[in-house]
Amino acid sequence: MKKRQFKFIFALTFLSVIIWITGEFIIGELINNFVVSVVWAVICLIGCCAYSLWKCPREPDEEEDSPQKQHKEDK
């Protein structure tokens, strides 16, 4: 894992925890409903996973860097 990927995962996890705890605090103070709390936790988890799959920095494929493919693109 590259340093860039680690930083992205750490920052995303930290931000997700902050958003989740803030939502739990608001739900606890205003709504006080267990079902809403569970739904909020599931939404946060799914949102974090979806965003990480969408925006996570990826390593380039080996095929893209191969000399044969570069030779074909030059023609």
N, C-alpha and C. Protein backbone atom coordinates (compact mmCIF):
# COMPACT_ATOMS: atom_id res chain seq x y z
N MET A 1 0.85 -1.16 0.00
CA MET A 1 0.00 0.00 0.00
C MET A 1 0.90 1.23 0.00
N LYS A 2 0.56 2.15 -0.87
CA LYS A 2 1.35 3.37 -0.97
C LYS A 2 0.95 4.37 0.11
N LYS A 3 1.84 5.31 0.36
CA LYS A 3 1.60 6.33 1.38
C LYS A 3 0.35 7.15 1.05
N ARG A 4 0.15 7.43 -0.21
CA ARG A 4 -1.01 8.21 -0.64
C ARG A 4 -2.32 7.46 -0.32
N GLN A 5 -2.34 6.17 -0.56
CA GLN A 5 -3.53 5.37 -0.26
C GLN A 5 -3.77 5.32 1.25
N PHE A 6 -2.71 5.18 2.02
CA PHE A 6 -2.86 5.13 3.48
C PHE A 6 -3.43 6.45 4.00
N LYS A 7 -2.92 7.57 3.50
CA LYS A 7 -3.43 8.87 3.93
C LYS A 7 -4.91 9.02 3.59
N PHE A 8 -5.29 8.58 2.39
CA PHE A 8 -6.69 8.67 1.98
C PHE A 8 -7.58 7.83 2.90
N ILE A 9 -7.19 6.62 3.18
CA ILE A 9 -7.98 5.74 4.04
C ILE A 9 -8.07 6.29 5.45
N PHE A 10 -6.96 6.79 5.98
CA PHE A 10 -6.97 7.35 7.33
C PHE A 10 -7.87 8.58 7.41
N ALA A 11 -7.76 9.49 6.44
CA ALA A 11 -8.57 10.71 6.44
C ALA A 11 -10.06 10.38 6.28
N LEU A 12 -10.37 9.44 5.39
CA LEU A 12 -11.76 9.06 5.18
C LEU A 12 -12.35 8.41 6.43
N THR A 13 -11.59 7.57 7.09
CA THR A 13 -12.05 6.92 8.31
C THR A 13 -12.27 7.95 9.41
N PHE A 14 -11.34 8.86 9.58
CA PHE A 14 -11.47 9.90 10.59
C PHE A 14 -12.70 10.77 10.34
N LEU A 15 -12.88 11.20 9.11
CA LEU A 15 -14.04 12.02 8.76
C LEU A 15 -15.34 11.25 8.96
N SER A 16 -15.36 9.99 8.60
CA SER A 16 -16.56 9.17 8.78
C SER A 16 -16.93 9.02 10.24
N VAL A 17 -15.94 8.82 11.10
CA VAL A 17 -16.20 8.69 12.53
C VAL A 17 -16.75 9.99 13.10
N ILE A 18 -16.19 11.12 12.68
CA ILE A 18 -16.67 12.42 13.14
C ILE A 18 -18.13 12.63 12.72
N ILE A 19 -18.44 12.34 11.47
CA ILE A 19 -19.81 12.49 10.97
C ILE A 19 -20.76 11.55 11.71
N TRP A 20 -20.34 10.31 11.93
CA TRP A 20 -21.18 9.33 12.61
C TRP A 20 -21.46 9.74 14.06
N ILE A 21 -20.43 10.17 14.78
CA ILE A 21 -20.61 10.56 16.18
C ILE A 21 -21.48 11.81 16.29
N THR A 22 -21.29 12.76 15.38
CA THR A 22 -22.12 13.96 15.38
C THR A 22 -23.58 13.60 15.14
N GLY A 23 -23.82 12.73 14.18
CA GLY A 23 -25.18 12.28 13.90
C GLY A 23 -25.79 11.54 15.08
N GLU A 24 -25.00 10.69 15.73
CA GLU A 24 -25.50 9.96 16.90
C GLU A 24 -25.86 10.92 18.03
N PHE A 25 -25.05 11.94 18.22
CA PHE A 25 -25.33 12.93 19.26
C PHE A 25 -26.63 13.67 18.97
N ILE A 26 -26.80 14.09 17.71
CA ILE A 26 -28.02 14.80 17.33
C ILE A 26 -29.24 13.88 17.45
N ILE A 27 -29.12 12.64 17.00
CA ILE A 27 -30.22 11.69 17.12
C ILE A 27 -30.57 11.45 18.59
N GLY A 28 -29.55 11.30 19.42
CA GLY A 28 -29.79 11.06 20.84
C GLY A 28 -30.46 12.22 21.54
N GLU A 29 -30.08 13.43 21.18
CA GLU A 29 -30.65 14.62 21.82
C GLU A 29 -32.03 14.98 21.29
N LEU A 30 -32.25 14.85 19.99
CA LEU A 30 -33.49 15.33 19.40
C LEU A 30 -34.54 14.23 19.17
N ILE A 31 -34.11 13.08 18.71
CA ILE A 31 -35.06 12.05 18.31
C ILE A 31 -35.17 10.94 19.36
N ASN A 32 -34.04 10.51 19.89
CA ASN A 32 -33.98 9.47 20.91
C ASN A 32 -34.71 8.20 20.47
N ASN A 33 -34.32 7.68 19.29
CA ASN A 33 -34.94 6.49 18.73
C ASN A 33 -33.83 5.53 18.30
N PHE A 34 -33.90 4.29 18.80
CA PHE A 34 -32.87 3.29 18.52
C PHE A 34 -32.84 2.91 17.03
N VAL A 35 -33.99 2.76 16.41
CA VAL A 35 -34.06 2.37 15.00
C VAL A 35 -33.41 3.43 14.11
N VAL A 36 -33.67 4.68 14.38
CA VAL A 36 -33.07 5.76 13.61
C VAL A 36 -31.55 5.75 13.80
N SER A 37 -31.11 5.43 14.99
CA SER A 37 -29.68 5.36 15.28
C SER A 37 -29.01 4.24 14.48
N VAL A 38 -29.65 3.09 14.41
CA VAL A 38 -29.10 1.96 13.65
C VAL A 38 -29.09 2.29 12.16
N VAL A 39 -30.17 2.87 11.66
CA VAL A 39 -30.23 3.25 10.24
C VAL A 39 -29.13 4.26 9.93
N TRP A 40 -28.90 5.22 10.81
CA TRP A 40 -27.84 6.21 10.62
C TRP A 40 -26.47 5.53 10.54
N ALA A 41 -26.22 4.57 11.42
CA ALA A 41 -24.94 3.86 11.40
C ALA A 41 -24.75 3.09 10.10
N VAL A 42 -25.80 2.45 9.60
CA VAL A 42 -25.72 1.71 8.34
C VAL A 42 -25.49 2.66 7.17
N ILE A 43 -26.18 3.78 7.16
CA ILE A 43 -25.99 4.77 6.09
C ILE A 43 -24.55 5.29 6.09
N CYS A 44 -24.02 5.57 7.28
CA CYS A 44 -22.62 6.04 7.36
C CYS A 44 -21.64 4.99 6.84
N LEU A 45 -21.85 3.73 7.20
CA LEU A 45 -20.97 2.66 6.76
C LEU A 45 -21.03 2.47 5.24
N ILE A 46 -22.23 2.41 4.71
CA ILE A 46 -22.39 2.23 3.26
C ILE A 46 -21.84 3.45 2.50
N GLY A 47 -22.10 4.63 3.01
CA GLY A 47 -21.58 5.84 2.36
C GLY A 47 -20.07 5.88 2.34
N CYS A 48 -19.45 5.49 3.45
CA CYS A 48 -17.99 5.47 3.53
C CYS A 48 -17.41 4.46 2.55
N CYS A 49 -17.99 3.28 2.49
CA CYS A 49 -17.50 2.25 1.57
C CYS A 49 -17.69 2.67 0.11
N ALA A 50 -18.85 3.23 -0.19
CA ALA A 50 -19.11 3.66 -1.57
C ALA A 50 -18.14 4.76 -2.00
N TYR A 51 -17.92 5.73 -1.12
CA TYR A 51 -17.01 6.83 -1.45
C TYR A 51 -15.58 6.32 -1.61
N SER A 52 -15.17 5.40 -0.76
CA SER A 52 -13.80 4.90 -0.86
C SER A 52 -13.59 4.10 -2.15
N LEU A 53 -14.59 3.36 -2.59
CA LEU A 53 -14.46 2.64 -3.85
C LEU A 53 -14.46 3.58 -5.04
N TRP A 54 -15.19 4.69 -4.91
CA TRP A 54 -15.31 5.64 -6.01
C TRP A 54 -14.07 6.51 -6.14
N LYS A 55 -13.51 6.96 -5.02
CA LYS A 55 -12.44 7.95 -5.06
C LYS A 55 -11.06 7.47 -4.60
N CYS A 56 -10.94 6.25 -4.18
CA CYS A 56 -9.66 5.76 -3.66
C CYS A 56 -8.58 5.82 -4.74
N PRO A 57 -7.40 6.35 -4.41
CA PRO A 57 -6.30 6.35 -5.39
C PRO A 57 -5.87 4.93 -5.72
N ARG A 58 -5.81 4.65 -7.00
CA ARG A 58 -5.47 3.29 -7.43
C ARG A 58 -4.09 3.28 -8.08
N GLU A 59 -3.48 2.12 -8.02
CA GLU A 59 -2.22 1.95 -8.71
C GLU A 59 -2.53 1.67 -10.17
N PRO A 60 -1.74 2.20 -11.09
CA PRO A 60 -2.02 1.95 -12.51
C PRO A 60 -1.84 0.47 -12.85
N ASP A 61 -2.65 -0.01 -13.77
CA ASP A 61 -2.53 -1.39 -14.21
C ASP A 61 -1.21 -1.60 -14.92
N GLU A 62 -0.70 -2.82 -14.81
CA GLU A 62 0.56 -3.12 -15.48
C GLU A 62 0.40 -3.09 -16.99
N GLU A 63 -0.80 -3.41 -17.48
CA GLU A 63 -1.04 -3.40 -18.91
C GLU A 63 -0.91 -2.00 -19.48
N GLU A 64 -1.33 -1.00 -18.73
CA GLU A 64 -1.26 0.37 -19.21
C GLU A 64 0.18 0.84 -19.37
N ASP A 65 1.08 0.31 -18.58
CA ASP A 65 2.47 0.74 -18.61
C ASP A 65 3.34 -0.14 -19.52
N SER A 66 2.76 -1.14 -20.14
CA SER A 66 3.56 -2.06 -20.93
C SER A 66 4.05 -1.37 -22.20
N PRO A 67 5.25 -1.71 -22.63
CA PRO A 67 5.81 -1.08 -23.85
C PRO A 67 4.99 -1.41 -25.09
N GLN A 68 4.36 -2.59 -25.17
CA GLN A 68 3.58 -2.96 -26.33
C GLN A 68 2.39 -2.03 -26.50
N LYS A 69 1.73 -1.71 -25.43
CA LYS A 69 0.56 -0.83 -25.51
C LYS A 69 1.00 0.59 -25.88
N GLN A 70 2.11 1.04 -25.33
CA GLN A 70 2.60 2.37 -25.68
C GLN A 70 2.98 2.43 -27.15
N HIS A 71 3.54 1.32 -27.66
CA HIS A 71 3.92 1.27 -29.06
C HIS A 71 2.68 1.36 -29.97
N LYS A 72 1.60 0.69 -29.58
CA LYS A 72 0.36 0.74 -30.36
C LYS A 72 -0.24 2.14 -30.34
N GLU A 73 -0.13 2.83 -29.21
CA GLU A 73 -0.69 4.18 -29.11
C GLU A 73 0.10 5.17 -29.95
N ASP A 74 1.41 4.92 -30.15
CA ASP A 74 2.25 5.82 -30.92
C ASP A 74 1.94 5.76 -32.42
N LYS A 75 1.39 4.66 -32.88
CA LYS A 75 1.13 4.50 -34.32
C LYS A 75 -0.05 5.27 -34.79
